[in-house]
Amino acid sequence: MWNPPAVDNMMGRNDEDSLKSLGAAYKSAADNIGFQKLAPADMKDTMRQGGTFVFKGENLLLEHYDEKVGDNCAVDDILRVL
């Protein structure tokens, strides 16, 4: 995640002050809530790459968890539930 192209991309979208503000917010959460309460109960969930979720109101129509980088939900699957 913290490879040079990723950092360059992030810096291109954010200035130094906004990144410092984000870091301060995370530190505040860790200080006030505690690191253990910020982490998922199942530590394997910290390895999750991402996912796609489609809701209609409170009803979950589609749930896809990426197994690895680039394992995105198929567009046809998303369109099928709309």
C-alpha atoms as a PDB file:
ATOM      1  CA  MET A   1       0.000   0.000   0.000  1.00  0.00           C
ATOM      2  CA  TRP A   2       2.751   2.459   0.856  1.00  0.00           C
ATOM      3  CA  ASN A   3       4.773   1.999  -2.297  1.00  0.00           C
ATOM      4  CA  PRO A   4       6.124   5.197  -3.917  1.00  0.00           C
ATOM      5  CA  PRO A   5       3.513   5.413  -6.732  1.00  0.00           C
ATOM      6  CA  ALA A   6       0.690   5.063  -4.184  1.00  0.00           C
ATOM      7  CA  VAL A   7       2.184   7.762  -1.963  1.00  0.00           C
ATOM      8  CA  ASP A   8       2.717  10.061  -4.969  1.00  0.00           C
ATOM      9  CA  ASN A   9      -0.904   9.522  -6.041  1.00  0.00           C
ATOM     10  CA  MET A  10      -2.180  10.263  -2.528  1.00  0.00           C
ATOM     11  CA  MET A  11      -0.033  13.380  -2.275  1.00  0.00           C
ATOM     12  CA  GLY A  12      -1.387  14.529  -5.641  1.00  0.00           C
ATOM     13  CA  ARG A  13      -4.929  14.443  -4.244  1.00  0.00           C
ATOM     14  CA  ASN A  14      -4.148  15.899  -0.825  1.00  0.00           C
ATOM     15  CA  ASP A  15      -1.922  18.593   0.550  1.00  0.00           C
ATOM     16  CA  GLU A  16       0.339  18.140   3.566  1.00  0.00           C
ATOM     17  CA  ASP A  17      -2.066  19.892   5.945  1.00  0.00           C
ATOM     18  CA  SER A  18      -4.999  17.641   5.008  1.00  0.00           C
ATOM     19  CA  LEU A  19      -2.857  14.514   5.511  1.00  0.00           C
ATOM     20  CA  LYS A  20      -1.653  15.789   8.895  1.00  0.00           C
ATOM     21  CA  SER A  21      -5.278  16.464   9.859  1.00  0.00           C
ATOM     22  CA  LEU A  22      -6.261  12.922   8.857  1.00  0.00           C
ATOM     23  CA  GLY A  23      -3.358  11.491  10.858  1.00  0.00           C
ATOM     24  CA  ALA A  24      -4.386  13.547  13.891  1.00  0.00           C
ATOM     25  CA  ALA A  25      -7.958  12.245  13.600  1.00  0.00           C
ATOM     26  CA  TYR A  26      -6.754   8.623  13.559  1.00  0.00           C
ATOM     27  CA  LYS A  27      -4.458   9.272  16.524  1.00  0.00           C
ATOM     28  CA  SER A  28      -7.299  10.887  18.442  1.00  0.00           C
ATOM     29  CA  ALA A  29      -9.557   7.898  17.762  1.00  0.00           C
ATOM     30  CA  ALA A  30      -6.849   5.478  18.900  1.00  0.00           C
ATOM     31  CA  ASP A  31      -6.172   7.554  22.024  1.00  0.00           C
ATOM     32  CA  ASN A  32      -9.858   7.970  22.942  1.00  0.00           C
ATOM     33  CA  ILE A  33     -11.324   4.634  21.875  1.00  0.00           C
ATOM     34  CA  GLY A  34      -8.294   2.409  22.080  1.00  0.00           C
ATOM     35  CA  PHE A  35      -6.529   0.581  19.287  1.00  0.00           C
ATOM     36  CA  GLN A  36      -8.087  -2.801  20.104  1.00  0.00           C
ATOM     37  CA  LYS A  37     -11.612  -1.414  19.720  1.00  0.00           C
ATOM     38  CA  LEU A  38     -10.699   0.150  16.345  1.00  0.00           C
ATOM     39  CA  ALA A  39      -9.538  -3.191  14.933  1.00  0.00           C
ATOM     40  CA  PRO A  40     -12.018  -5.797  13.651  1.00  0.00           C
ATOM     41  CA  ALA A  41     -12.798  -8.675  16.015  1.00  0.00           C
ATOM     42  CA  ASP A  42     -11.450 -11.141  13.431  1.00  0.00           C
ATOM     43  CA  MET A  43      -7.930  -9.956  12.556  1.00  0.00           C
ATOM     44  CA  LYS A  44      -8.095 -11.612   9.110  1.00  0.00           C
ATOM     45  CA  ASP A  45     -10.576  -8.850   8.234  1.00  0.00           C
ATOM     46  CA  THR A  46      -7.682  -6.378   8.410  1.00  0.00           C
ATOM     47  CA  MET A  47      -6.322  -8.044   5.269  1.00  0.00           C
ATOM     48  CA  ARG A  48      -9.482  -7.393   3.253  1.00  0.00           C
ATOM     49  CA  GLN A  49      -8.701  -5.529   0.033  1.00  0.00           C
ATOM     50  CA  GLY A  50     -12.099  -3.942  -0.523  1.00  0.00           C
ATOM     51  CA  GLY A  51     -15.461  -4.799  -1.915  1.00  0.00           C
ATOM     52  CA  THR A  52     -18.653  -3.736  -3.590  1.00  0.00           C
ATOM     53  CA  PHE A  53     -21.994  -3.364  -1.817  1.00  0.00           C
ATOM     54  CA  VAL A  54     -25.319  -2.330  -3.324  1.00  0.00           C
ATOM     55  CA  PHE A  55     -28.208  -1.346  -1.072  1.00  0.00           C
ATOM     56  CA  LYS A  56     -31.787  -0.356  -1.729  1.00  0.00           C
ATOM     57  CA  GLY A  57     -32.719   1.460   1.442  1.00  0.00           C
ATOM     58  CA  GLU A  58     -31.616  -0.890   4.210  1.00  0.00           C
ATOM     59  CA  ASN A  59     -31.822  -4.020   2.020  1.00  0.00           C
ATOM     60  CA  LEU A  60     -28.506  -5.447   0.868  1.00  0.00           C
ATOM     61  CA  LEU A  61     -28.816  -6.370  -2.820  1.00  0.00           C
ATOM     62  CA  LEU A  62     -25.199  -7.298  -3.563  1.00  0.00           C
ATOM     63  CA  GLU A  63     -22.203  -8.133  -1.409  1.00  0.00           C
ATOM     64  CA  HIS A  64     -18.802  -8.791  -2.994  1.00  0.00           C
ATOM     65  CA  TYR A  65     -15.506  -8.982  -1.116  1.00  0.00           C
ATOM     66  CA  ASP A  66     -12.333  -8.593  -3.172  1.00  0.00           C
ATOM     67  CA  GLU A  67      -9.954 -11.490  -2.574  1.00  0.00           C
ATOM     68  CA  LYS A  68      -6.970  -9.582  -3.943  1.00  0.00           C
ATOM     69  CA  VAL A  69      -6.123  -6.314  -5.667  1.00  0.00           C
ATOM     70  CA  GLY A  70      -8.051  -6.099  -8.933  1.00  0.00           C
ATOM     71  CA  ASP A  71     -10.638  -8.700  -7.925  1.00  0.00           C
ATOM     72  CA  ASN A  72     -13.455  -6.260  -8.505  1.00  0.00           C
ATOM     73  CA  CYS A  73     -17.102  -7.157  -8.708  1.00  0.00           C
ATOM     74  CA  ALA A  74     -18.245  -7.768 -12.277  1.00  0.00           C
ATOM     75  CA  VAL A  75     -20.190  -4.838 -13.697  1.00  0.00           C
ATOM     76  CA  ASP A  76     -22.817  -7.288 -15.012  1.00  0.00           C
ATOM     77  CA  ASP A  77     -23.404  -8.540 -11.456  1.00  0.00           C
ATOM     78  CA  ILE A  78     -23.940  -4.974 -10.251  1.00  0.00           C
ATOM     79  CA  LEU A  79     -26.304  -4.131 -13.117  1.00  0.00           C
ATOM     80  CA  ARG A  80     -28.242  -7.360 -12.541  1.00  0.00           C
ATOM     81  CA  VAL A  81     -29.332  -6.276  -9.046  1.00  0.00           C
ATOM     82  CA  LEU A  82     -30.291  -2.713  -9.976  1.00  0.00           C
END
